[in-house]
C-alpha cells in the first residue's frame, strides 16, 4: 500500500480521533482532543499521520525530551492492517527520532 506520512494537519483532526476510537486507544482519562492540542503545542511535527487515497490510515504520536524517545497513539485503520502501514509509520518515527539524536525509544501499547 502506498502511503504518505507527514505531520498532523488541523484538517485531519476528526479523522485522527475517529481512528483512535476504532483502534481502542481512547480512554476516559485521556481526552484525545486535549492530547492533540498538547502535542501540537510542543513538537507538533512529531504527531505523524499516514494518508492513503486521501484518507487517514495511521498515526503515531512521537516525543523526545533529550534522553528517551516515546511513541504513543500508534494506530492503523483496521481496514488496512497487515499491509505494512504500521511498519512504515514506525520506521518514519524511528528516523525522525534518530535525526534528533535519540538512541533509545519506548513504544507504548494497549
Protein backbone atom coordinates (compact mmCIF):
# COMPACT_ATOMS: atom_id res chain seq x y z
CA UNK A 1 0.00 0.00 0.00
CA UNK A 2 1.36 3.40 -0.95
CA UNK A 3 1.06 5.92 1.87
CA UNK A 4 2.32 9.40 2.63
CA UNK A 5 3.47 10.10 6.18
CA UNK A 6 3.70 13.66 7.39
CA UNK A 7 2.96 15.95 10.30
CA UNK A 8 -0.60 16.26 11.57
CA UNK A 9 -2.75 18.91 9.93
CA UNK A 10 -5.74 20.50 11.67
CA UNK A 11 -8.00 19.33 8.82
CA UNK A 12 -7.25 15.74 9.92
CA UNK A 13 -8.49 16.26 13.49
CA UNK A 14 -11.79 14.36 13.28
CA UNK A 15 -10.33 11.52 11.19
CA UNK A 16 -7.43 11.04 13.62
CA UNK A 17 -9.71 10.90 16.65
CA UNK A 18 -12.09 8.52 14.85
CA UNK A 19 -9.15 6.23 14.05
CA UNK A 20 -8.04 6.24 17.68
CA UNK A 21 -11.56 5.28 18.74
CA UNK A 22 -11.68 2.48 16.15
CA UNK A 23 -8.34 1.21 17.39
CA UNK A 24 -9.39 1.19 21.05
CA UNK A 25 -6.79 3.78 22.05
CA UNK A 26 -9.13 6.28 23.71
CA UNK A 27 -9.63 6.04 27.46
CA UNK A 28 -11.84 8.19 29.72
CA UNK A 29 -8.79 9.66 31.46
CA UNK A 30 -7.23 10.76 28.15
CA UNK A 31 -9.27 13.15 26.04
CA UNK A 32 -7.86 12.72 22.51
CA UNK A 33 -8.62 16.32 21.51
CA UNK A 34 -6.64 17.55 24.53
CA UNK A 35 -3.78 15.19 23.70
CA UNK A 36 -3.67 16.57 20.14
CA UNK A 37 -3.78 20.14 21.43
CA UNK A 38 -0.90 19.49 23.84
CA UNK A 39 1.16 17.73 21.17
CA UNK A 40 0.65 20.45 18.58
CA UNK A 41 1.83 22.99 21.16
CA UNK A 42 5.09 21.04 21.73
CA UNK A 43 6.89 19.20 18.92
CA UNK A 44 3.93 19.45 16.50
CA UNK A 45 5.96 17.91 13.69
CA UNK A 46 6.16 14.67 15.70
CA UNK A 47 2.45 13.90 15.53
CA UNK A 48 2.66 11.72 12.43
CA UNK A 49 -0.27 10.90 10.18
CA UNK A 50 -0.29 8.31 7.41
CA UNK A 51 -2.60 9.01 4.48
CA UNK A 52 -3.58 6.70 1.61
CA UNK A 53 -6.08 7.54 -1.06
CA UNK A 54 -6.89 10.82 0.67
CA UNK A 55 -7.87 9.25 3.98
CA UNK A 56 -6.12 8.88 7.33
CA UNK A 57 -4.97 5.27 7.74
CA UNK A 58 -2.46 5.55 10.57
CA UNK A 59 -0.88 7.69 13.26
CA UNK A 60 1.95 7.86 15.74
CA UNK A 61 2.45 10.47 18.44
CA UNK A 62 6.21 10.72 18.89
CA UNK A 63 8.10 12.56 21.60
CA UNK A 64 11.68 13.23 22.61
CA UNK A 65 12.81 15.01 25.75
CA UNK A 66 16.53 14.71 25.18
CA UNK A 67 17.06 11.33 26.83
CA UNK A 68 14.44 8.89 25.57
CA UNK A 69 12.04 8.79 22.65
CA UNK A 70 8.41 7.81 23.05
CA UNK A 71 5.81 6.52 20.63
CA UNK A 72 2.16 6.70 21.66
CA UNK A 73 -1.10 6.55 19.74
CA UNK A 74 0.34 4.13 17.20
CA UNK A 75 -2.75 3.25 15.21
CA UNK A 76 -3.55 1.63 11.89
CA UNK A 77 -7.02 1.60 10.39
CA UNK A 78 -8.36 -1.96 10.84
CA UNK A 79 -9.41 -1.97 7.17
CA UNK A 80 -5.77 -1.70 6.04
CA UNK A 81 -3.94 -3.67 8.71
CA UNK A 82 -1.38 -6.30 7.65
CA UNK A 83 -0.37 -4.22 4.63
CA UNK A 84 2.78 -2.65 6.07
CA UNK A 85 1.27 0.64 7.22
CA UNK A 86 2.32 0.19 10.87
CA UNK A 87 5.84 -0.81 9.85
CA UNK A 88 6.17 2.29 7.67
CA UNK A 89 4.90 4.58 10.42
CA UNK A 90 7.32 3.07 12.96
CA UNK A 91 10.26 3.37 10.56
CA UNK A 92 9.35 7.00 9.89
CA UNK A 93 9.09 7.69 13.63
CA UNK A 94 12.44 5.99 14.31
CA UNK A 95 14.15 8.07 11.62
CA UNK A 96 12.66 11.29 12.97
CA UNK A 97 13.89 10.42 16.46
CA UNK A 98 17.34 9.43 15.20
CA UNK A 99 17.59 12.79 13.41
CA UNK A 100 17.06 14.41 16.82
CA UNK A 101 19.89 12.35 18.35
CA UNK A 102 17.65 9.85 20.12
CA UNK A 103 19.21 6.41 20.66
CA UNK A 104 16.56 4.83 22.91
CA UNK A 105 12.84 4.56 22.14
CA UNK A 106 9.89 3.25 24.14
CA UNK A 107 6.74 2.16 22.36
CA UNK A 108 3.61 2.40 24.48
CA UNK A 109 0.90 -0.13 23.55
CA UNK A 110 -2.55 -1.10 24.80
